[in-house]
């Protein structure tokens, strides 16, 4: 909805949604590691207010048991 108080402004935050229920947001750090309690969809965004207009590039590397979501036809 808006920025997350537990992560610095401008940082990348993640959220894992499992069975339609969102988990707690977490800060994505350059050398950090995060293991969710349950598998689900990973959502990422920059921690800024919704009205902010951000531009730029983001490189992300995921490892582990990453399973892509099937595309709808």
Protein backbone atom coordinates (compact mmCIF):
# COMPACT_ATOMS: atom_id res chain seq x y z
CA UNK A 1 0.00 0.00 0.00
CA UNK A 2 2.70 2.47 0.98
CA UNK A 3 6.29 2.35 2.19
CA UNK A 4 7.42 -0.13 4.85
CA UNK A 5 8.74 1.43 8.06
CA UNK A 6 11.07 -1.52 8.81
CA UNK A 7 13.21 -0.96 5.69
CA UNK A 8 15.12 2.16 4.57
CA UNK A 9 13.53 4.52 2.05
CA UNK A 10 14.62 3.67 -1.49
CA UNK A 11 15.59 0.09 -0.64
CA UNK A 12 14.16 -2.95 -2.40
CA UNK A 13 11.62 -4.88 -0.36
CA UNK A 14 10.17 -8.31 -0.93
CA UNK A 15 7.01 -10.10 0.09
CA UNK A 16 6.05 -13.76 -0.34
CA UNK A 17 2.36 -14.55 -0.91
CA UNK A 18 1.33 -18.09 0.04
CA UNK A 19 -2.20 -19.41 -0.48
CA UNK A 20 -3.42 -15.87 -1.19
CA UNK A 21 -2.08 -14.53 2.12
CA UNK A 22 0.83 -12.06 2.13
CA UNK A 23 3.71 -12.66 4.52
CA UNK A 24 5.72 -9.97 6.28
CA UNK A 25 7.70 -7.62 4.02
CA UNK A 26 11.49 -7.86 4.23
CA UNK A 27 14.41 -5.76 3.00
CA UNK A 28 16.39 -7.21 0.09
CA UNK A 29 20.07 -6.60 0.82
CA UNK A 30 22.99 -6.88 -1.61
CA UNK A 31 24.54 -9.84 0.18
CA UNK A 32 21.56 -10.90 2.25
CA UNK A 33 19.76 -14.19 2.20
CA UNK A 34 16.09 -14.82 2.93
CA UNK A 35 14.35 -18.16 3.23
CA UNK A 36 10.55 -17.99 3.48
CA UNK A 37 8.70 -20.31 5.85
CA UNK A 38 6.50 -21.55 2.98
CA UNK A 39 6.85 -21.39 -0.78
CA UNK A 40 4.77 -18.91 -2.76
CA UNK A 41 4.97 -15.99 -5.18
CA UNK A 42 7.70 -13.42 -4.61
CA UNK A 43 6.82 -9.75 -5.14
CA UNK A 44 9.46 -7.01 -5.17
CA UNK A 45 9.25 -3.22 -5.15
CA UNK A 46 11.17 -0.15 -4.14
CA UNK A 47 10.32 1.12 -0.66
CA UNK A 48 8.87 4.53 -1.53
CA UNK A 49 5.40 6.06 -1.24
CA UNK A 50 2.93 5.00 -3.93
CA UNK A 51 2.91 8.50 -5.48
CA UNK A 52 6.70 8.43 -6.12
CA UNK A 53 7.82 8.12 -9.75
CA UNK A 54 10.99 6.00 -9.74
CA UNK A 55 13.09 5.12 -12.78
CA UNK A 56 16.10 2.85 -13.09
CA UNK A 57 17.31 -0.69 -13.54
CA UNK A 58 17.40 -3.53 -11.09
CA UNK A 59 19.44 -6.73 -11.31
CA UNK A 60 18.32 -9.63 -9.20
CA UNK A 61 19.67 -13.13 -8.82
CA UNK A 62 17.53 -15.88 -7.32
CA UNK A 63 18.80 -19.29 -6.34
CA UNK A 64 17.44 -22.39 -4.72
CA UNK A 65 14.21 -24.13 -5.57
CA UNK A 66 12.88 -21.47 -7.93
CA UNK A 67 9.79 -22.68 -9.80
CA UNK A 68 8.42 -20.39 -12.54
CA UNK A 69 4.71 -19.71 -12.68
CA UNK A 70 3.06 -21.19 -15.80
CA UNK A 71 1.96 -18.57 -18.34
CA UNK A 72 -1.73 -18.20 -19.05
CA UNK A 73 -2.75 -18.80 -22.66
